[in-house]
Amino acid sequence: MSARAIKTTYLGYTNTKPSRIKASAGPLQSITVSTCNLDGNTEEQHATVASRLAAKLGWLTPATYLLGGGYANDFYFVLSDTRIIGLKDEEPS
């Protein structure tokens, strides 16, 4: 699988538009979704918009997982063919 990444950014409301989340995977590959159309907390909303863009671009398959997290004011997601990378269910020492 080639490297594919999606960046999501929160766009606050304006006088004419509600708050939105924009997902982009390059200069010409993006979607913007109003947050009033999304359920869940902030992380879930960003993941939902990233998933919608990945589906629109044909990147999602039954064997593909979208992994991501937040940094500064944005969220970043990558596609992987492994659900969990390097994590074990162990008690911390």
N, C-alpha and C. Protein backbone atom coordinates (compact mmCIF):
# COMPACT_ATOMS: atom_id res chain seq x y z
N MET A 1 0.84 -1.16 0.00
CA MET A 1 0.00 0.00 0.00
C MET A 1 0.89 1.23 0.00
N SER A 2 0.61 2.18 -0.89
CA SER A 2 1.38 3.42 -0.92
C SER A 2 0.94 4.32 0.24
N ALA A 3 1.80 5.23 0.62
CA ALA A 3 1.50 6.12 1.74
C ALA A 3 0.40 7.10 1.36
N ARG A 4 -0.63 7.14 2.20
CA ARG A 4 -1.74 8.05 1.98
C ARG A 4 -2.09 8.69 3.31
N ALA A 5 -2.28 10.00 3.29
CA ALA A 5 -2.58 10.72 4.53
C ALA A 5 -3.68 11.74 4.30
N ILE A 6 -4.42 12.02 5.37
CA ILE A 6 -5.50 13.00 5.34
C ILE A 6 -5.33 13.92 6.53
N LYS A 7 -5.45 15.22 6.30
CA LYS A 7 -5.40 16.23 7.35
C LYS A 7 -6.79 16.82 7.50
N THR A 8 -7.29 16.92 8.75
CA THR A 8 -8.57 17.58 8.99
C THR A 8 -8.35 18.82 9.83
N THR A 9 -9.13 19.85 9.53
CA THR A 9 -9.00 21.14 10.20
C THR A 9 -10.38 21.66 10.56
N TYR A 10 -10.52 22.17 11.78
CA TYR A 10 -11.78 22.79 12.21
C TYR A 10 -11.84 24.21 11.66
N LEU A 11 -12.97 24.55 11.05
CA LEU A 11 -13.20 25.90 10.55
C LEU A 11 -14.36 26.49 11.34
N GLY A 12 -14.12 27.52 12.10
CA GLY A 12 -15.15 28.13 12.93
C GLY A 12 -16.26 28.77 12.11
N TYR A 13 -17.35 29.06 12.79
CA TYR A 13 -18.49 29.64 12.09
C TYR A 13 -18.19 31.07 11.67
N THR A 14 -18.92 31.52 10.65
CA THR A 14 -18.82 32.90 10.17
C THR A 14 -20.22 33.50 10.21
N ASN A 15 -20.37 34.71 9.69
CA ASN A 15 -21.69 35.33 9.64
C ASN A 15 -22.64 34.60 8.71
N THR A 16 -22.09 33.86 7.74
CA THR A 16 -22.94 33.21 6.74
C THR A 16 -22.85 31.69 6.73
N LYS A 17 -21.88 31.10 7.45
CA LYS A 17 -21.70 29.65 7.43
C LYS A 17 -21.56 29.10 8.85
N PRO A 18 -22.06 27.87 9.07
CA PRO A 18 -21.87 27.25 10.38
C PRO A 18 -20.44 26.72 10.50
N SER A 19 -20.07 26.23 11.69
CA SER A 19 -18.73 25.66 11.86
C SER A 19 -18.63 24.39 11.00
N ARG A 20 -17.41 24.12 10.51
CA ARG A 20 -17.19 23.03 9.58
C ARG A 20 -15.88 22.33 9.89
N ILE A 21 -15.72 21.13 9.31
CA ILE A 21 -14.45 20.42 9.34
C ILE A 21 -14.07 20.14 7.89
N LYS A 22 -12.85 20.53 7.56
CA LYS A 22 -12.34 20.32 6.20
C LYS A 22 -11.30 19.21 6.24
N ALA A 23 -11.47 18.22 5.36
CA ALA A 23 -10.49 17.14 5.21
C ALA A 23 -9.81 17.31 3.86
N SER A 24 -8.49 17.20 3.86
CA SER A 24 -7.76 17.33 2.60
C SER A 24 -6.67 16.27 2.50
N ALA A 25 -6.45 15.82 1.27
CA ALA A 25 -5.42 14.83 1.00
C ALA A 25 -4.53 15.32 -0.13
N GLY A 26 -4.45 16.61 -0.29
CA GLY A 26 -3.68 17.21 -1.36
C GLY A 26 -4.38 18.47 -1.82
N PRO A 27 -3.76 19.18 -2.73
CA PRO A 27 -4.33 20.48 -3.13
C PRO A 27 -5.70 20.40 -3.81
N LEU A 28 -6.00 19.31 -4.48
CA LEU A 28 -7.28 19.22 -5.21
C LEU A 28 -8.21 18.14 -4.66
N GLN A 29 -7.86 17.56 -3.53
CA GLN A 29 -8.66 16.48 -2.96
C GLN A 29 -9.12 16.87 -1.56
N SER A 30 -10.35 17.43 -1.46
CA SER A 30 -10.84 17.84 -0.16
C SER A 30 -12.36 17.81 -0.12
N ILE A 31 -12.89 17.75 1.10
CA ILE A 31 -14.32 17.91 1.34
C ILE A 31 -14.47 18.75 2.60
N THR A 32 -15.60 19.43 2.71
CA THR A 32 -15.91 20.22 3.89
C THR A 32 -17.29 19.84 4.36
N VAL A 33 -17.44 19.52 5.65
CA VAL A 33 -18.70 19.06 6.21
C VAL A 33 -19.07 19.93 7.40
N SER A 34 -20.33 20.37 7.45
CA SER A 34 -20.82 21.15 8.59
C SER A 34 -20.85 20.29 9.84
N THR A 35 -20.41 20.83 10.97
CA THR A 35 -20.40 20.05 12.21
C THR A 35 -21.81 19.77 12.72
N CYS A 36 -22.81 20.54 12.29
CA CYS A 36 -24.17 20.26 12.73
C CYS A 36 -24.70 18.96 12.11
N ASN A 37 -24.02 18.45 11.08
CA ASN A 37 -24.40 17.19 10.44
C ASN A 37 -23.62 16.00 11.00
N LEU A 38 -22.83 16.22 12.07
CA LEU A 38 -21.97 15.17 12.61
C LEU A 38 -22.32 14.86 14.05
N ASP A 39 -22.22 13.60 14.42
CA ASP A 39 -22.43 13.17 15.80
C ASP A 39 -21.08 12.90 16.45
N GLY A 40 -21.06 12.81 17.77
CA GLY A 40 -19.86 12.42 18.49
C GLY A 40 -19.05 13.59 18.98
N ASN A 41 -17.92 13.25 19.63
CA ASN A 41 -17.02 14.27 20.15
C ASN A 41 -16.10 14.78 19.03
N THR A 42 -15.20 15.65 19.39
CA THR A 42 -14.32 16.28 18.39
C THR A 42 -13.53 15.26 17.59
N GLU A 43 -12.91 14.29 18.27
CA GLU A 43 -12.09 13.29 17.58
C GLU A 43 -12.95 12.46 16.63
N GLU A 44 -14.14 12.07 17.08
CA GLU A 44 -15.03 11.26 16.24
C GLU A 44 -15.50 12.05 15.02
N GLN A 45 -15.75 13.33 15.19
CA GLN A 45 -16.17 14.16 14.05
C GLN A 45 -15.06 14.25 13.01
N HIS A 46 -13.83 14.48 13.46
CA HIS A 46 -12.70 14.56 12.52
C HIS A 46 -12.49 13.21 11.82
N ALA A 47 -12.60 12.11 12.55
CA ALA A 47 -12.44 10.78 11.95
C ALA A 47 -13.54 10.51 10.93
N THR A 48 -14.76 10.94 11.21
CA THR A 48 -15.88 10.74 10.28
C THR A 48 -15.62 11.47 8.97
N VAL A 49 -15.18 12.72 9.06
CA VAL A 49 -14.91 13.50 7.84
C VAL A 49 -13.74 12.91 7.07
N ALA A 50 -12.70 12.46 7.77
CA ALA A 50 -11.55 11.82 7.11
C ALA A 50 -12.00 10.54 6.40
N SER A 51 -12.86 9.76 7.05
CA SER A 51 -13.38 8.52 6.44
C SER A 51 -14.19 8.82 5.19
N ARG A 52 -14.97 9.88 5.24
CA ARG A 52 -15.77 10.25 4.06
C ARG A 52 -14.87 10.61 2.88
N LEU A 53 -13.79 11.36 3.15
CA LEU A 53 -12.87 11.70 2.07
C LEU A 53 -12.17 10.45 1.54
N ALA A 54 -11.71 9.59 2.43
CA ALA A 54 -11.04 8.35 2.01
C ALA A 54 -11.98 7.49 1.16
N ALA A 55 -13.25 7.42 1.53
CA ALA A 55 -14.22 6.65 0.75
C ALA A 55 -14.45 7.30 -0.61
N LYS A 56 -14.55 8.63 -0.63
CA LYS A 56 -14.75 9.36 -1.89
C LYS A 56 -13.59 9.12 -2.86
N LEU A 57 -12.38 9.01 -2.31
CA LEU A 57 -11.19 8.80 -3.15
C LEU A 57 -10.96 7.33 -3.49
N GLY A 58 -11.80 6.44 -2.95
CA GLY A 58 -11.65 5.01 -3.22
C GLY A 58 -10.52 4.36 -2.46
N TRP A 59 -10.11 4.96 -1.35
CA TRP A 59 -8.98 4.45 -0.57
C TRP A 59 -9.39 3.39 0.44
N LEU A 60 -10.66 3.36 0.85
CA LEU A 60 -11.09 2.40 1.87
C LEU A 60 -11.50 1.07 1.25
N THR A 61 -11.03 0.01 1.83
CA THR A 61 -11.42 -1.35 1.46
C THR A 61 -11.73 -2.08 2.77
N PRO A 62 -12.34 -3.27 2.70
CA PRO A 62 -12.59 -4.01 3.94
C PRO A 62 -11.32 -4.32 4.74
N ALA A 63 -10.16 -4.32 4.09
CA ALA A 63 -8.91 -4.66 4.77
C ALA A 63 -8.07 -3.42 5.09
N THR A 64 -8.68 -2.22 5.03
CA THR A 64 -7.96 -0.97 5.28
C THR A 64 -8.48 -0.30 6.53
N TYR A 65 -7.57 0.23 7.34
CA TYR A 65 -7.94 0.93 8.57
C TYR A 65 -7.44 2.37 8.50
N LEU A 66 -8.21 3.27 9.06
CA LEU A 66 -7.83 4.67 9.14
C LEU A 66 -7.37 4.95 10.57
N LEU A 67 -6.10 5.30 10.73
CA LEU A 67 -5.51 5.56 12.05
C LEU A 67 -5.13 7.03 12.14
N GLY A 68 -5.36 7.66 13.29
CA GLY A 68 -5.01 9.06 13.37
C GLY A 68 -5.04 9.62 14.77
N GLY A 69 -4.72 10.90 14.85
CA GLY A 69 -4.73 11.61 16.11
C GLY A 69 -4.52 13.09 15.89
N GLY A 70 -4.66 13.84 16.97
CA GLY A 70 -4.57 15.28 16.88
C GLY A 70 -3.19 15.82 17.19
N TYR A 71 -2.87 16.93 16.56
CA TYR A 71 -1.64 17.67 16.84
C TYR A 71 -1.94 19.14 16.59
N ALA A 72 -1.64 19.97 17.56
CA ALA A 72 -1.96 21.40 17.50
C ALA A 72 -3.48 21.53 17.30
N ASN A 73 -3.91 22.23 16.27
CA ASN A 73 -5.35 22.42 16.02
C ASN A 73 -5.89 21.52 14.93
N ASP A 74 -5.10 20.59 14.45
CA ASP A 74 -5.49 19.72 13.35
C ASP A 74 -5.45 18.26 13.77
N PHE A 75 -6.04 17.42 12.94
CA PHE A 75 -5.95 15.97 13.11
C PHE A 75 -5.34 15.40 11.84
N TYR A 76 -4.56 14.34 11.99
CA TYR A 76 -3.90 13.69 10.86
C TYR A 76 -4.26 12.21 10.87
N PHE A 77 -4.55 11.67 9.70
CA PHE A 77 -4.94 10.27 9.57
C PHE A 77 -4.12 9.62 8.47
N VAL A 78 -3.76 8.37 8.68
CA VAL A 78 -3.07 7.57 7.66
C VAL A 78 -3.84 6.27 7.47
N LEU A 79 -3.66 5.67 6.32
CA LEU A 79 -4.30 4.39 6.04
C LEU A 79 -3.31 3.27 6.29
N SER A 80 -3.81 2.19 6.86
CA SER A 80 -2.96 1.05 7.18
C SER A 80 -3.71 -0.24 6.88
N ASP A 81 -2.96 -1.30 6.61
CA ASP A 81 -3.60 -2.61 6.44
C ASP A 81 -3.57 -3.40 7.74
N THR A 82 -3.10 -2.76 8.83
CA THR A 82 -3.07 -3.37 10.15
C THR A 82 -3.89 -2.51 11.10
N ARG A 83 -4.77 -3.13 11.87
CA ARG A 83 -5.65 -2.38 12.76
C ARG A 83 -4.90 -1.75 13.93
N ILE A 84 -4.04 -2.49 14.57
CA ILE A 84 -3.28 -1.97 15.70
C ILE A 84 -1.80 -2.17 15.41
N ILE A 85 -1.03 -1.13 15.55
CA ILE A 85 0.39 -1.20 15.26
C ILE A 85 1.18 -1.11 16.55
N GLY A 86 1.82 -2.18 16.96
CA GLY A 86 2.74 -2.16 18.07
C GLY A 86 2.14 -1.92 19.45
N LEU A 87 0.87 -2.20 19.67
CA LEU A 87 0.27 -2.00 20.97
C LEU A 87 -0.03 -3.36 21.59
N LYS A 88 0.19 -3.47 22.92
CA LYS A 88 -0.09 -4.71 23.63
C LYS A 88 -1.03 -4.39 24.79
N ASP A 89 -1.88 -5.35 25.13
CA ASP A 89 -2.77 -5.19 26.27
C ASP A 89 -2.06 -5.65 27.52
N GLU A 90 -1.22 -4.80 28.07
CA GLU A 90 -0.46 -5.12 29.27
C GLU A 90 -0.62 -4.00 30.28
N GLU A 91 -0.45 -4.36 31.53
CA GLU A 91 -0.46 -3.37 32.60
C GLU A 91 0.84 -2.57 32.54
N PRO A 92 0.77 -1.25 32.71
CA PRO A 92 2.01 -0.47 32.75
C PRO A 92 2.82 -0.82 34.00
N SER A 93 4.16 -0.79 33.88
CA SER A 93 5.01 -1.10 35.03
C SER A 93 5.23 0.10 35.91
